[in-house]
Amino acid sequence: MLLPKRRKPTHPGVILSEDFLKPMNLTPKAFAASLGGEWTEKAIQDIIDEKAKVNDKVAEAFAAALGTTVDFWKKIQHHLSHYEEQESHNAKGSLKPWKKAM
């Protein structure tokens, strides 16, 4: 099955939840504890709920904890942010209506 070309990219939080936490039987609270330091269940849950973005610090922490690369997380966020930026630009009416032919 082919995906639509303009499909919204998957949020990194969905990938974190579906591809990592669920298969590992980890709750957001347990994952936050495994990250240590200032990480909280709320911070992880905000990413999963698509309320927060993955920045460089988050990408580094996730990569170290999950055995991925930092670029893996940064690219996912970049594709989503780029898509949202394009959609926002298009929604602002960047295209002007054509003038009627006389």
PDB file of N, CA and C in Angstrom:
ATOM      1  N   MET A   1       0.842  -1.179   0.000  1.00  0.00           N
ATOM      2  CA  MET A   1       0.000   0.000   0.000  1.00  0.00           C
ATOM      3  C   MET A   1       0.889   1.245   0.000  1.00  0.00           C
ATOM      4  N   LEU A   2       0.598   2.153  -0.864  1.00  0.00           N
ATOM      5  CA  LEU A   2       1.377   3.381  -0.946  1.00  0.00           C
ATOM      6  C   LEU A   2       0.806   4.435  -0.016  1.00  0.00           C
ATOM      7  N   LEU A   3       1.697   5.186   0.598  1.00  0.00           N
ATOM      8  CA  LEU A   3       1.272   6.279   1.458  1.00  0.00           C
ATOM      9  C   LEU A   3       1.097   7.535   0.620  1.00  0.00           C
ATOM     10  N   PRO A   4       0.181   8.393   1.011  1.00  0.00           N
ATOM     11  CA  PRO A   4       0.034   9.652   0.296  1.00  0.00           C
ATOM     12  C   PRO A   4       1.333  10.458   0.357  1.00  0.00           C
ATOM     13  N   LYS A   5       1.619  11.182  -0.709  1.00  0.00           N
ATOM     14  CA  LYS A   5       2.864  11.937  -0.777  1.00  0.00           C
ATOM     15  C   LYS A   5       2.909  13.064   0.250  1.00  0.00           C
ATOM     16  N   ARG A   6       1.781  13.632   0.569  1.00  0.00           N
ATOM     17  CA  ARG A   6       1.753  14.770   1.491  1.00  0.00           C
ATOM     18  C   ARG A   6       1.277  14.368   2.888  1.00  0.00           C
ATOM     19  N   ARG A   7       1.501  13.120   3.248  1.00  0.00           N
ATOM     20  CA  ARG A   7       1.114  12.642   4.571  1.00  0.00           C
ATOM     21  C   ARG A   7       1.965  13.332   5.635  1.00  0.00           C
ATOM     22  N   LYS A   8       1.317  13.695   6.734  1.00  0.00           N
ATOM     23  CA  LYS A   8       2.048  14.312   7.834  1.00  0.00           C
ATOM     24  C   LYS A   8       3.030  13.298   8.412  1.00  0.00           C
ATOM     25  N   PRO A   9       4.300  13.683   8.560  1.00  0.00           N
ATOM     26  CA  PRO A   9       5.270  12.760   9.151  1.00  0.00           C
ATOM     27  C   PRO A   9       4.887  12.394  10.589  1.00  0.00           C
ATOM     28  N   THR A  10       5.296  11.231  10.997  1.00  0.00           N
ATOM     29  CA  THR A  10       5.001  10.746  12.343  1.00  0.00           C
ATOM     30  C   THR A  10       5.813  11.519  13.368  1.00  0.00           C
ATOM     31  N   HIS A  11       5.145  11.905  14.447  1.00  0.00           N
ATOM     32  CA  HIS A  11       5.808  12.634  15.525  1.00  0.00           C
ATOM     33  C   HIS A  11       6.804  11.701  16.233  1.00  0.00           C
ATOM     34  N   PRO A  12       7.949  12.222  16.659  1.00  0.00           N
ATOM     35  CA  PRO A  12       8.924  11.388  17.370  1.00  0.00           C
ATOM     36  C   PRO A  12       8.345  10.726  18.629  1.00  0.00           C
ATOM     37  N   GLY A  13       7.381  11.367  19.260  1.00  0.00           N
ATOM     38  CA  GLY A  13       6.760  10.784  20.448  1.00  0.00           C
ATOM     39  C   GLY A  13       6.001   9.511  20.148  1.00  0.00           C
ATOM     40  N   VAL A  14       5.380   9.454  18.981  1.00  0.00           N
ATOM     41  CA  VAL A  14       4.666   8.245  18.574  1.00  0.00           C
ATOM     42  C   VAL A  14       5.675   7.123  18.336  1.00  0.00           C
ATOM     43  N   ILE A  15       6.779   7.456  17.694  1.00  0.00           N
ATOM     44  CA  ILE A  15       7.818   6.462  17.446  1.00  0.00           C
ATOM     45  C   ILE A  15       8.420   5.982  18.768  1.00  0.00           C
ATOM     46  N   LEU A  16       8.661   6.916  19.674  1.00  0.00           N
ATOM     47  CA  LEU A  16       9.177   6.535  20.987  1.00  0.00           C
ATOM     48  C   LEU A  16       8.239   5.552  21.670  1.00  0.00           C
ATOM     49  N   SER A  17       6.971   5.867  21.680  1.00  0.00           N
ATOM     50  CA  SER A  17       5.993   5.026  22.358  1.00  0.00           C
ATOM     51  C   SER A  17       5.799   3.680  21.671  1.00  0.00           C
ATOM     52  N   GLU A  18       5.508   3.722  20.373  1.00  0.00           N
ATOM     53  CA  GLU A  18       5.139   2.504  19.639  1.00  0.00           C
ATOM     54  C   GLU A  18       6.314   1.590  19.316  1.00  0.00           C
ATOM     55  N   ASP A  19       7.456   2.165  18.985  1.00  0.00           N
ATOM     56  CA  ASP A  19       8.588   1.352  18.533  1.00  0.00           C
ATOM     57  C   ASP A  19       9.602   1.029  19.629  1.00  0.00           C
ATOM     58  N   PHE A  20       9.530   1.750  20.744  1.00  0.00           N
ATOM     59  CA  PHE A  20      10.517   1.525  21.793  1.00  0.00           C
ATOM     60  C   PHE A  20       9.883   1.179  23.145  1.00  0.00           C
ATOM     61  N   LEU A  21       9.096   2.081  23.684  1.00  0.00           N
ATOM     62  CA  LEU A  21       8.587   1.859  25.040  1.00  0.00           C
ATOM     63  C   LEU A  21       7.651   0.656  25.146  1.00  0.00           C
ATOM     64  N   LYS A  22       6.677   0.558  24.250  1.00  0.00           N
ATOM     65  CA  LYS A  22       5.731  -0.566  24.321  1.00  0.00           C
ATOM     66  C   LYS A  22       6.421  -1.917  24.148  1.00  0.00           C
ATOM     67  N   PRO A  23       7.270  -2.089  23.133  1.00  0.00           N
ATOM     68  CA  PRO A  23       7.949  -3.389  22.992  1.00  0.00           C
ATOM     69  C   PRO A  23       8.861  -3.724  24.181  1.00  0.00           C
ATOM     70  N   MET A  24       9.380  -2.690  24.845  1.00  0.00           N
ATOM     71  CA  MET A  24      10.264  -2.904  25.983  1.00  0.00           C
ATOM     72  C   MET A  24       9.488  -2.958  27.306  1.00  0.00           C
ATOM     73  N   ASN A  25       8.159  -2.848  27.224  1.00  0.00           N
ATOM     74  CA  ASN A  25       7.302  -2.817  28.411  1.00  0.00           C
ATOM     75  C   ASN A  25       7.731  -1.744  29.407  1.00  0.00           C
ATOM     76  N   LEU A  26       8.048  -0.550  28.875  1.00  0.00           N
ATOM     77  CA  LEU A  26       8.439   0.575  29.710  1.00  0.00           C
ATOM     78  C   LEU A  26       7.326   1.612  29.740  1.00  0.00           C
ATOM     79  N   THR A  27       7.032   2.114  30.912  1.00  0.00           N
ATOM     80  CA  THR A  27       6.094   3.232  31.039  1.00  0.00           C
ATOM     81  C   THR A  27       6.888   4.523  30.869  1.00  0.00           C
ATOM     82  N   PRO A  28       6.215   5.630  30.593  1.00  0.00           N
ATOM     83  CA  PRO A  28       6.935   6.904  30.541  1.00  0.00           C
ATOM     84  C   PRO A  28       7.672   7.196  31.858  1.00  0.00           C
ATOM     85  N   LYS A  29       7.072   6.813  32.975  1.00  0.00           N
ATOM     86  CA  LYS A  29       7.710   7.039  34.284  1.00  0.00           C
ATOM     87  C   LYS A  29       8.988   6.218  34.409  1.00  0.00           C
ATOM     88  N   ALA A  30       8.935   4.947  34.018  1.00  0.00           N
ATOM     89  CA  ALA A  30      10.117   4.089  34.096  1.00  0.00           C
ATOM     90  C   ALA A  30      11.207   4.568  33.130  1.00  0.00           C
ATOM     91  N   PHE A  31      10.797   5.018  31.953  1.00  0.00           N
ATOM     92  CA  PHE A  31      11.779   5.513  30.986  1.00  0.00           C
ATOM     93  C   PHE A  31      12.437   6.786  31.508  1.00  0.00           C
ATOM     94  N   ALA A  32      11.652   7.679  32.088  1.00  0.00           N
ATOM     95  CA  ALA A  32      12.213   8.910  32.659  1.00  0.00           C
ATOM     96  C   ALA A  32      13.219   8.575  33.752  1.00  0.00           C
ATOM     97  N   ALA A  33      12.871   7.604  34.580  1.00  0.00           N
ATOM     98  CA  ALA A  33      13.785   7.195  35.648  1.00  0.00           C
ATOM     99  C   ALA A  33      15.083   6.619  35.070  1.00  0.00           C
ATOM    100  N   SER A  34      14.970   5.877  33.966  1.00  0.00           N
ATOM    101  CA  SER A  34      16.171   5.300  33.354  1.00  0.00           C
ATOM    102  C   SER A  34      17.064   6.374  32.736  1.00  0.00           C
ATOM    103  N   LEU A  35      16.454   7.487  32.330  1.00  0.00           N
ATOM    104  CA  LEU A  35      17.236   8.594  31.778  1.00  0.00           C
ATOM    105  C   LEU A  35      17.964   9.348  32.891  1.00  0.00           C
ATOM    106  N   GLY A  36      17.354   9.327  34.087  1.00  0.00           N
ATOM    107  CA  GLY A  36      17.975   9.968  35.249  1.00  0.00           C
ATOM    108  C   GLY A  36      17.883  11.479  35.219  1.00  0.00           C
ATOM    109  N   GLY A  37      18.621  12.084  36.129  1.00  0.00           N
ATOM    110  CA  GLY A  37      18.720  13.543  36.187  1.00  0.00           C
ATOM    111  C   GLY A  37      17.393  14.247  36.315  1.00  0.00           C
ATOM    112  N   GLU A  38      17.208  15.225  35.469  1.00  0.00           N
ATOM    113  CA  GLU A  38      16.028  16.085  35.541  1.00  0.00           C
ATOM    114  C   GLU A  38      14.823  15.545  34.770  1.00  0.00           C
ATOM    115  N   TRP A  39      14.913  14.369  34.204  1.00  0.00           N
ATOM    116  CA  TRP A  39      13.818  13.810  33.418  1.00  0.00           C
ATOM    117  C   TRP A  39      12.642  13.441  34.309  1.00  0.00           C
ATOM    118  N   THR A  40      11.446  13.788  33.836  1.00  0.00           N
ATOM    119  CA  THR A  40      10.226  13.472  34.579  1.00  0.00           C
ATOM    120  C   THR A  40       9.264  12.701  33.675  1.00  0.00           C
ATOM    121  N   GLU A  41       8.327  12.050  34.304  1.00  0.00           N
ATOM    122  CA  GLU A  41       7.291  11.355  33.551  1.00  0.00           C
ATOM    123  C   GLU A  41       6.544  12.341  32.661  1.00  0.00           C
ATOM    124  N   LYS A  42       6.269  13.540  33.185  1.00  0.00           N
ATOM    125  CA  LYS A  42       5.537  14.551  32.416  1.00  0.00           C
ATOM    126  C   LYS A  42       6.301  14.956  31.156  1.00  0.00           C
ATOM    127  N   ALA A  43       7.604  15.114  31.268  1.00  0.00           N
ATOM    128  CA  ALA A  43       8.410  15.498  30.099  1.00  0.00           C
ATOM    129  C   ALA A  43       8.316  14.436  29.008  1.00  0.00           C
ATOM    130  N   ILE A  44       8.407  13.173  29.410  1.00  0.00           N
ATOM    131  CA  ILE A  44       8.307  12.077  28.441  1.00  0.00           C
ATOM    132  C   ILE A  44       6.886  12.002  27.881  1.00  0.00           C
ATOM    133  N   GLN A  45       5.894  12.133  28.750  1.00  0.00           N
ATOM    134  CA  GLN A  45       4.494  12.058  28.314  1.00  0.00           C
ATOM    135  C   GLN A  45       4.157  13.199  27.360  1.00  0.00           C
ATOM    136  N   ASP A  46       4.709  14.392  27.594  1.00  0.00           N
ATOM    137  CA  ASP A  46       4.476  15.527  26.683  1.00  0.00           C
ATOM    138  C   ASP A  46       5.011  15.236  25.286  1.00  0.00           C
ATOM    139  N   ILE A  47       6.141  14.559  25.201  1.00  0.00           N
ATOM    140  CA  ILE A  47       6.683  14.185  23.891  1.00  0.00           C
ATOM    141  C   ILE A  47       5.788  13.132  23.245  1.00  0.00           C
ATOM    142  N   ILE A  48       5.382  12.137  24.010  1.00  0.00           N
ATOM    143  CA  ILE A  48       4.507  11.092  23.485  1.00  0.00           C
ATOM    144  C   ILE A  48       3.177  11.679  23.015  1.00  0.00           C
ATOM    145  N   ASP A  49       2.641  12.640  23.766  1.00  0.00           N
ATOM    146  CA  ASP A  49       1.356  13.266  23.431  1.00  0.00           C
ATOM    147  C   ASP A  49       1.479  14.358  22.365  1.00  0.00           C
ATOM    148  N   GLU A  50       2.672  14.502  21.804  1.00  0.00           N
ATOM    149  CA  GLU A  50       2.945  15.477  20.738  1.00  0.00           C
ATOM    150  C   GLU A  50       2.789  16.915  21.209  1.00  0.00           C
ATOM    151  N   LYS A  51       3.016  17.153  22.495  1.00  0.00           N
ATOM    152  CA  LYS A  51       2.951  18.498  23.058  1.00  0.00           C
ATOM    153  C   LYS A  51       4.335  19.141  23.126  1.00  0.00           C
ATOM    154  N   ALA A  52       5.370  18.332  22.966  1.00  0.00           N
ATOM    155  CA  ALA A  52       6.742  18.826  23.034  1.00  0.00           C
ATOM    156  C   ALA A  52       7.546  18.262  21.872  1.00  0.00           C
ATOM    157  N   LYS A  53       8.539  19.032  21.470  1.00  0.00           N
ATOM    158  CA  LYS A  53       9.405  18.616  20.368  1.00  0.00           C
ATOM    159  C   LYS A  53      10.656  17.938  20.893  1.00  0.00           C
ATOM    160  N   VAL A  54      11.334  17.258  19.999  1.00  0.00           N
ATOM    161  CA  VAL A  54      12.613  16.636  20.323  1.00  0.00           C
ATOM    162  C   VAL A  54      13.715  17.613  19.915  1.00  0.00           C
ATOM    163  N   ASN A  55      14.387  18.173  20.916  1.00  0.00           N
ATOM    164  CA  ASN A  55      15.501  19.075  20.632  1.00  0.00           C
ATOM    165  C   ASN A  55      16.811  18.283  20.739  1.00  0.00           C
ATOM    166  N   ASP A  56      17.942  18.962  20.635  1.00  0.00           N
ATOM    167  CA  ASP A  56      19.238  18.279  20.653  1.00  0.00           C
ATOM    168  C   ASP A  56      19.456  17.509  21.957  1.00  0.00           C
ATOM    169  N   LYS A  57      19.101  18.115  23.073  1.00  0.00           N
ATOM    170  CA  LYS A  57      19.284  17.469  24.378  1.00  0.00           C
ATOM    171  C   LYS A  57      18.454  16.187  24.481  1.00  0.00           C
ATOM    172  N   VAL A  58      17.218  16.267  24.037  1.00  0.00           N
ATOM    173  CA  VAL A  58      16.327  15.103  24.063  1.00  0.00           C
ATOM    174  C   VAL A  58      16.868  14.019  23.138  1.00  0.00           C
ATOM    175  N   ALA A  59      17.271  14.412  21.939  1.00  0.00           N
ATOM    176  CA  ALA A  59      17.800  13.449  20.969  1.00  0.00           C
ATOM    177  C   ALA A  59      19.016  12.718  21.525  1.00  0.00           C
ATOM    178  N   GLU A  60      19.891  13.444  22.205  1.00  0.00           N
ATOM    179  CA  GLU A  60      21.082  12.825  22.790  1.00  0.00           C
ATOM    180  C   GLU A  60      20.708  11.833  23.886  1.00  0.00           C
ATOM    181  N   ALA A  61      19.762  12.217  24.729  1.00  0.00           N
ATOM    182  CA  ALA A  61      19.344  11.337  25.824  1.00  0.00           C
ATOM    183  C   ALA A  61      18.667  10.077  25.289  1.00  0.00           C
ATOM    184  N   PHE A  62      17.757  10.250  24.317  1.00  0.00           N
ATOM    185  CA  PHE A  62      17.059   9.101  23.741  1.00  0.00           C
ATOM    186  C   PHE A  62      18.035   8.166  23.032  1.00  0.00           C
ATOM    187  N   ALA A  63      18.968   8.737  22.285  1.00  0.00           N
ATOM    188  CA  ALA A  63      19.939   7.920  21.553  1.00  0.00           C
ATOM    189  C   ALA A  63      20.776   7.083  22.513  1.00  0.00           C
ATOM    190  N   ALA A  64      21.236   7.700  23.576  1.00  0.00           N
ATOM    191  CA  ALA A  64      22.066   6.977  24.545  1.00  0.00           C
ATOM    192  C   ALA A  64      21.270   5.872  25.245  1.00  0.00           C
ATOM    193  N   ALA A  65      20.031   6.158  25.582  1.00  0.00           N
ATOM    194  CA  ALA A  65      19.217   5.196  26.330  1.00  0.00           C
ATOM    195  C   ALA A  65      18.680   4.063  25.460  1.00  0.00           C
ATOM    196  N   LEU A  66      18.434   4.364  24.188  1.00  0.00           N
ATOM    197  CA  LEU A  66      17.740   3.393  23.331  1.00  0.00           C
ATOM    198  C   LEU A  66      18.637   2.733  22.281  1.00  0.00           C
ATOM    199  N   GLY A  67      19.902   3.133  22.243  1.00  0.00           N
ATOM    200  CA  GLY A  67      20.825   2.517  21.291  1.00  0.00           C
ATOM    201  C   GLY A  67      20.611   2.958  19.862  1.00  0.00           C
ATOM    202  N   THR A  68      20.114   4.159  19.690  1.00  0.00           N
ATOM    203  CA  THR A  68      19.944   4.721  18.348  1.00  0.00           C
ATOM    204  C   THR A  68      20.995   5.805  18.156  1.00  0.00           C
ATOM    205  N   THR A  69      20.909   6.508  17.049  1.00  0.00           N
ATOM    206  CA  THR A  69      21.795   7.648  16.841  1.00  0.00           C
ATOM    207  C   THR A  69      21.040   8.936  17.181  1.00  0.00           C
ATOM    208  N   VAL A  70      21.789   9.957  17.455  1.00  0.00           N
ATOM    209  CA  VAL A  70      21.197  11.273  17.706  1.00  0.00           C
ATOM    210  C   VAL A  70      20.482  11.740  16.441  1.00  0.00           C
ATOM    211  N   ASP A  71      21.108  11.490  15.292  1.00  0.00           N
ATOM    212  CA  ASP A  71      20.512  11.913  14.018  1.00  0.00           C
ATOM    213  C   ASP A  71      19.155  11.262  13.761  1.00  0.00           C
ATOM    214  N   PHE A  72      18.972  10.039  14.225  1.00  0.00           N
ATOM    215  CA  PHE A  72      17.682   9.363  14.064  1.00  0.00           C
ATOM    216  C   PHE A  72      16.560  10.242  14.608  1.00  0.00           C
ATOM    217  N   TRP A  73      16.702  10.718  15.824  1.00  0.00           N
ATOM    218  CA  TRP A  73      15.662  11.531  16.470  1.00  0.00           C
ATOM    219  C   TRP A  73      15.581  12.927  15.866  1.00  0.00           C
ATOM    220  N   LYS A  74      16.736  13.505  15.546  1.00  0.00           N
ATOM    221  CA  LYS A  74      16.750  14.853  14.976  1.00  0.00           C
ATOM    222  C   LYS A  74      16.101  14.884  13.592  1.00  0.00           C
ATOM    223  N   LYS A  75      16.337  13.849  12.797  1.00  0.00           N
ATOM    224  CA  LYS A  75      15.745  13.808  11.449  1.00  0.00           C
ATOM    225  C   LYS A  75      14.231  13.646  11.510  1.00  0.00           C
ATOM    226  N   ILE A  76      13.764  12.809  12.423  1.00  0.00           N
ATOM    227  CA  ILE A  76      12.313  12.646  12.564  1.00  0.00           C
ATOM    228  C   ILE A  76      11.676  13.984  12.914  1.00  0.00           C
ATOM    229  N   GLN A  77      12.272  14.688  13.877  1.00  0.00           N
ATOM    230  CA  GLN A  77      11.731  15.991  14.281  1.00  0.00           C
ATOM    231  C   GLN A  77      11.859  17.000  13.147  1.00  0.00           C
ATOM    232  N   HIS A  78      12.974  16.970  12.433  1.00  0.00           N
ATOM    233  CA  HIS A  78      13.181  17.909  11.326  1.00  0.00           C
ATOM    234  C   HIS A  78      12.115  17.733  10.246  1.00  0.00           C
ATOM    235  N   HIS A  79      11.838  16.493   9.868  1.00  0.00           N
ATOM    236  CA  HIS A  79      10.827  16.245   8.831  1.00  0.00           C
ATOM    237  C   HIS A  79       9.450  16.731   9.276  1.00  0.00           C
ATOM    238  N   LEU A  80       9.108  16.492  10.526  1.00  0.00           N
ATOM    239  CA  LEU A  80       7.826  16.941  11.049  1.00  0.00           C
ATOM    240  C   LEU A  80       7.770  18.466  11.099  1.00  0.00           C
ATOM    241  N   SER A  81       8.809  19.093  11.605  1.00  0.00           N
ATOM    242  CA  SER A  81       8.834  20.555  11.702  1.00  0.00           C
ATOM    243  C   SER A  81       8.766  21.203  10.326  1.00  0.00           C
ATOM    244  N   HIS A  82       9.481  20.631   9.369  1.00  0.00           N
ATOM    245  CA  HIS A  82       9.462  21.162   8.003  1.00  0.00           C
ATOM    246  C   HIS A  82       8.049  21.056   7.412  1.00  0.00           C
ATOM    247  N   TYR A  83       7.412  19.910   7.614  1.00  0.00           N
ATOM    248  CA  TYR A  83       6.046  19.712   7.127  1.00  0.00           C
ATOM    249  C   TYR A  83       5.100  20.739   7.759  1.00  0.00           C
ATOM    250  N   GLU A  84       5.181  20.901   9.068  1.00  0.00           N
ATOM    251  CA  GLU A  84       4.298  21.841   9.766  1.00  0.00           C
ATOM    252  C   GLU A  84       4.535  23.274   9.307  1.00  0.00           C
ATOM    253  N   GLU A  85       5.797  23.605   9.042  1.00  0.00           N
ATOM    254  CA  GLU A  85       6.135  24.941   8.540  1.00  0.00           C
ATOM    255  C   GLU A  85       5.513  25.173   7.166  1.00  0.00           C
ATOM    256  N   GLN A  86       5.622  24.171   6.295  1.00  0.00           N
ATOM    257  CA  GLN A  86       5.037  24.281   4.954  1.00  0.00           C
ATOM    258  C   GLN A  86       3.513  24.407   5.038  1.00  0.00           C
ATOM    259  N   GLU A  87       2.896  23.600   5.901  1.00  0.00           N
ATOM    260  CA  GLU A  87       1.441  23.654   6.052  1.00  0.00           C
ATOM    261  C   GLU A  87       1.004  25.009   6.596  1.00  0.00           C
ATOM    262  N   SER A  88       1.755  25.539   7.527  1.00  0.00           N
ATOM    263  CA  SER A  88       1.438  26.853   8.094  1.00  0.00           C
ATOM    264  C   SER A  88       1.552  27.936   7.021  1.00  0.00           C
ATOM    265  N   HIS A  89       2.601  27.835   6.224  1.00  0.00           N
ATOM    266  CA  HIS A  89       2.807  28.798   5.139  1.00  0.00           C
ATOM    267  C   HIS A  89       1.656  28.725   4.136  1.00  0.00           C
ATOM    268  N   ASN A  90       1.244  27.508   3.785  1.00  0.00           N
ATOM    269  CA  ASN A  90       0.153  27.326   2.830  1.00  0.00           C
ATOM    270  C   ASN A  90      -1.173  27.810   3.400  1.00  0.00           C
ATOM    271  N   ALA A  91      -1.377  27.624   4.691  1.00  0.00           N
ATOM    272  CA  ALA A  91      -2.631  28.022   5.324  1.00  0.00           C
ATOM    273  C   ALA A  91      -2.782  29.534   5.400  1.00  0.00           C
ATOM    274  N   LYS A  92      -1.672  30.251   5.344  1.00  0.00           N
ATOM    275  CA  LYS A  92      -1.722  31.705   5.422  1.00  0.00           C
ATOM    276  C   LYS A  92      -2.153  32.327   4.107  1.00  0.00           C
ATOM    277  N   GLY A  93      -2.397  31.514   3.124  1.00  0.00           N
ATOM    278  CA  GLY A  93      -2.860  32.044   1.845  1.00  0.00           C
ATOM    279  C   GLY A  93      -1.749  32.656   1.027  1.00  0.00           C
ATOM    280  N   SER A  94      -0.641  31.963   0.941  1.00  0.00           N
ATOM    281  CA  SER A  94       0.493  32.491   0.205  1.00  0.00           C
ATOM    282  C   SER A  94       0.196  32.607  -1.288  1.00  0.00           C
ATOM    283  N   LEU A  95      -0.773  31.857  -1.748  1.00  0.00           N
ATOM    284  CA  LEU A  95      -1.125  31.947  -3.162  1.00  0.00           C
ATOM    285  C   LEU A  95      -2.209  32.988  -3.344  1.00  0.00           C
ATOM    286  N   LYS A  96      -1.934  33.910  -4.237  1.00  0.00           N
ATOM    287  CA  LYS A  96      -2.918  34.969  -4.491  1.00  0.00           C
ATOM    288  C   LYS A  96      -3.877  34.495  -5.571  1.00  0.00           C
ATOM    289  N   PRO A  97      -5.138  34.867  -5.435  1.00  0.00           N
ATOM    290  CA  PRO A  97      -6.102  34.445  -6.465  1.00  0.00           C
ATOM    291  C   PRO A  97      -5.770  35.077  -7.810  1.00  0.00           C
ATOM    292  N   TRP A  98      -6.079  34.361  -8.843  1.00  0.00           N
ATOM    293  CA  TRP A  98      -5.833  34.875 -10.181  1.00  0.00           C
ATOM    294  C   TRP A  98      -6.831  35.979 -10.498  1.00  0.00           C
ATOM    295  N   LYS A  99      -6.383  36.903 -11.304  1.00  0.00           N
ATOM    296  CA  LYS A  99      -7.295  37.958 -11.762  1.00  0.00           C
ATOM    297  C   LYS A  99      -8.161  37.389 -12.878  1.00  0.00           C
ATOM    298  N   LYS A 100      -9.376  37.853 -12.935  1.00  0.00           N
ATOM    299  CA  LYS A 100     -10.281  37.388 -13.983  1.00  0.00           C
ATOM    300  C   LYS A 100      -9.807  37.894 -15.345  1.00  0.00           C
ATOM    301  N   ALA A 101      -9.905  37.024 -16.323  1.00  0.00           N
ATOM    302  CA  ALA A 101      -9.538  37.409 -17.676  1.00  0.00           C
ATOM    303  C   ALA A 101     -10.606  38.351 -18.234  1.00  0.00           C
ATOM    304  N   MET A 102     -10.191  39.295 -19.001  1.00  0.00           N
ATOM    305  CA  MET A 102     -11.170  40.234 -19.562  1.00  0.00           C
ATOM    306  C   MET A 102     -11.524  39.879 -20.952  1.00  0.00           C
TER     307      MET A 102
END
